[in-house]
Protein backbone atom coordinates (compact mmCIF):
# COMPACT_ATOMS: atom_id res chain seq x y z
CA MET A 1 63.23 -52.81 -56.75
CA LYS A 2 61.69 -55.31 -54.36
CA ARG A 3 63.77 -53.94 -51.52
CA TRP A 4 62.51 -50.36 -52.13
CA THR A 5 58.92 -51.59 -52.32
CA LYS A 6 59.29 -53.36 -48.98
CA LEU A 7 60.83 -50.24 -47.40
CA ILE A 8 58.03 -48.01 -48.73
CA ILE A 9 55.35 -50.40 -47.44
CA LEU A 10 57.09 -50.57 -44.05
CA PHE A 11 57.35 -46.77 -43.93
CA LEU A 12 53.64 -46.40 -44.78
CA LEU A 13 52.64 -48.92 -42.11
CA ILE A 14 54.67 -47.11 -39.46
CA THR A 15 53.36 -43.64 -40.36
CA ASN A 16 49.76 -44.87 -40.54
CA SER A 17 50.12 -46.56 -37.16
CA ILE A 18 51.48 -43.35 -35.65
CA PHE A 19 48.64 -41.35 -37.21
CA ILE A 20 45.97 -43.72 -35.88
CA VAL A 21 47.45 -43.80 -32.35
CA THR A 22 47.75 -39.99 -32.12
CA THR A 23 44.22 -39.51 -33.46
CA VAL A 24 42.76 -41.89 -30.89
CA MET A 25 44.77 -40.27 -28.09
CA TYR A 26 43.64 -36.78 -29.18
CA LYS A 27 40.01 -37.81 -29.35
CA ASN A 28 40.17 -39.29 -25.85
CA SER A 29 41.90 -36.20 -24.41
CA THR A 30 39.57 -33.51 -25.78
CA PRO A 31 36.90 -32.42 -23.33
CA VAL A 32 33.38 -33.51 -24.09
CA PHE A 33 30.78 -30.78 -23.67
CA LYS A 34 27.13 -30.13 -24.32
CA VAL A 35 25.48 -26.85 -25.21
CA TYR A 36 21.82 -26.07 -24.62
CA SER A 37 19.80 -23.00 -25.53
CA PHE A 38 16.60 -21.92 -23.84
CA GLU A 39 13.80 -19.42 -24.26
CA GLY A 40 10.22 -18.96 -23.17
CA GLU A 41 7.34 -16.56 -23.04
CA SER A 42 4.23 -15.89 -20.96
CA GLU A 43 1.63 -13.18 -21.30
CA ASN A 44 3.85 -10.76 -19.34
CA ILE A 45 7.50 -11.65 -19.89
CA ARG A 46 9.77 -13.11 -22.54
CA VAL A 47 13.13 -14.81 -21.96
CA SER A 48 15.42 -15.27 -24.97
CA ASN A 49 19.01 -16.21 -25.85
CA GLY A 50 19.73 -18.27 -22.74
CA VAL A 51 22.65 -20.71 -22.91
CA ILE A 52 23.81 -23.63 -20.77
CA ILE A 53 27.27 -25.13 -21.33
CA ILE A 54 28.18 -28.37 -19.60
CA SER A 55 31.74 -29.65 -19.80
CA LYS A 56 33.70 -32.17 -17.80
CA ASP A 57 35.20 -29.61 -15.41
CA LYS A 58 32.86 -26.61 -15.61
CA GLN A 59 29.18 -25.78 -15.98
CA MET A 60 27.92 -22.38 -17.08
CA VAL A 61 24.52 -20.73 -17.40
CA GLN A 62 23.99 -17.41 -19.15
CA GLY A 63 20.39 -16.40 -18.49
CA GLY A 64 19.85 -14.45 -21.66
CA GLU A 65 17.63 -11.42 -22.03
CA LEU A 66 14.45 -10.50 -20.20
CA GLN A 67 11.73 -8.41 -21.80
CA TYR A 68 8.49 -7.27 -20.18
CA ILE A 69 5.65 -7.54 -22.73
CA GLY A 70 2.61 -7.15 -20.45
CA ILE A 71 0.56 -4.09 -19.68
CA LYS A 72 2.30 -1.26 -17.87
CA ARG A 73 2.17 -1.72 -14.12
CA GLU A 74 2.58 0.71 -11.25
CA ASN A 75 5.93 1.51 -9.69
CA ILE A 76 7.72 -1.33 -7.94
CA SER A 77 9.84 -1.28 -4.82
CA ALA A 78 11.59 -4.65 -5.30
CA TYR A 79 11.84 -7.61 -7.63
CA THR A 80 13.65 -10.92 -7.84
CA LYS A 81 14.45 -12.87 -10.99
CA ASN A 82 15.41 -16.56 -10.88
CA ILE A 83 16.15 -19.43 -13.21
CA TYR A 84 15.45 -22.66 -11.40
CA ILE A 85 14.88 -26.36 -11.82
CA ASP A 86 11.60 -27.74 -10.49
CA ASN A 87 12.57 -31.32 -9.73
CA GLN A 88 10.24 -34.28 -9.38
CA HIS A 89 9.92 -33.79 -5.61
CA GLY A 90 8.48 -30.28 -5.94
CA ASN A 91 11.69 -28.59 -4.83
CA LYS A 92 12.83 -25.47 -6.65
CA GLU A 93 16.60 -25.38 -7.00
CA THR A 94 17.76 -21.90 -8.02
CA ILE A 95 20.53 -21.87 -10.62
CA VAL A 96 20.75 -18.13 -11.38
CA GLY A 97 19.12 -15.46 -9.26
CA GLY A 98 19.21 -11.79 -8.47
CA SER A 99 17.22 -9.22 -6.52
CA VAL A 100 16.80 -5.46 -6.79
CA PHE A 101 15.46 -3.29 -3.95
CA ASN A 102 14.73 0.41 -4.08
CA ASN A 103 14.12 2.64 -1.05
CA ILE A 104 13.14 5.72 -3.07
CA LYS A 105 9.59 6.88 -2.34
CA ASN A 106 8.36 6.57 -5.95
CA GLY A 107 10.11 3.25 -6.52
CA MET A 108 11.19 1.94 -9.89
CA ILE A 109 9.01 2.40 -12.93
CA PHE A 110 7.90 -0.94 -14.25
CA PRO A 111 8.82 -2.09 -16.93
CA ASP A 112 11.41 0.68 -17.53
CA GLU A 113 13.59 -0.81 -14.79
CA LEU A 114 13.73 -4.11 -16.68
CA LEU A 115 14.89 -2.28 -19.81
CA LEU A 116 17.91 -1.05 -17.86
CA ASN A 117 18.60 -4.47 -16.35
CA ARG A 118 17.72 -6.46 -19.42
CA THR A 119 20.05 -9.41 -18.94
CA ILE A 120 19.13 -12.07 -16.44
CA GLY A 121 22.72 -12.76 -15.45
CA GLY A 122 24.91 -15.78 -15.40
CA VAL A 123 26.87 -18.13 -13.24
CA SER A 124 29.58 -20.75 -13.64
CA SER A 125 30.89 -23.42 -11.33
CA GLU A 126 32.38 -26.87 -11.33
CA LYS A 127 28.97 -28.35 -10.56
CA LEU A 128 25.74 -26.38 -10.99
CA PHE A 129 23.60 -29.35 -12.00
CA ARG A 130 23.34 -32.87 -10.68
CA ASP A 131 23.40 -35.72 -13.20
CA GLU A 132 19.68 -36.35 -12.76
CA ASP A 133 18.99 -32.64 -13.40
CA MET A 134 20.63 -32.89 -16.81
CA SER A 135 18.49 -35.86 -17.79
CA THR A 136 15.29 -33.90 -17.08
CA ILE A 137 16.35 -30.32 -17.80
CA LYS A 138 14.31 -30.09 -21.00
CA ASP A 139 11.06 -30.44 -19.01
CA ASN A 140 11.93 -28.77 -15.71
CA LEU A 141 13.69 -25.43 -16.31
CA TYR A 142 11.74 -22.29 -15.30
CA PHE A 143 12.15 -18.53 -14.97
CA SER A 144 10.30 -16.46 -12.39
CA LEU A 145 9.97 -12.74 -11.83
CA GLU A 146 8.54 -11.89 -8.42
CA GLY A 147 8.13 -8.47 -6.91
CA THR A 148 6.29 -5.96 -4.82
CA THR A 149 4.69 -2.71 -5.96
CA ASN A 150 4.96 0.52 -3.94
CA ASP A 151 1.50 -0.04 -2.50
CA GLY A 152 2.43 -3.52 -1.23
CA LYS A 153 0.83 -5.67 -3.93
CA GLN A 154 2.86 -8.71 -4.87
CA PHE A 155 3.21 -10.16 -8.36
CA ASN A 156 4.73 -13.37 -9.65
CA PHE A 157 5.32 -14.16 -13.33
CA MET A 158 6.57 -17.61 -14.27
CA VAL A 159 7.74 -19.00 -17.61
CA LYS A 160 8.48 -22.62 -18.41
CA LEU A 161 11.60 -22.51 -20.55
CA GLN A 162 11.93 -24.55 -23.72
CA VAL A 163 15.39 -26.14 -23.73
CA GLN A 164 17.08 -27.44 -26.86
CA GLU A 165 20.31 -29.38 -26.99
CA LEU A 166 22.56 -27.83 -29.64
CA ILE A 167 25.73 -29.90 -29.28
């Protein structure tokens, strides 16, 4: 009986050691990532459902949805939408951007054009953000919508985005 007890204890020690080693190796090999969500609103525009995913090898930004909530404006000939970081030195580093130009005489009807192009867009790369950007992203992420009306007036709407770390 003592021999069987010793064999069972030895077997349990070996299997537990294997389990512990494989668990530690698995934990060290799984990629570590962070997920952030962002949204914001001004008197004219609302940004919602934005997501940032940061992993060891890839960084992704999905800009979410854009909604115009201001008073109806005249027709526009062009607009640009950007998500950017305003760093401590006053530099604006664009992360996601896009422009729309229209050469038709009447231009695009504002805000109907934004209803058609509701999503802000997205981008992914190995390195979108610097390490110091990630430490200050909660206070320095912005969205801007700039454009020109058919009669040459320019407009610029800016929203400071509220960023929350989810994971």
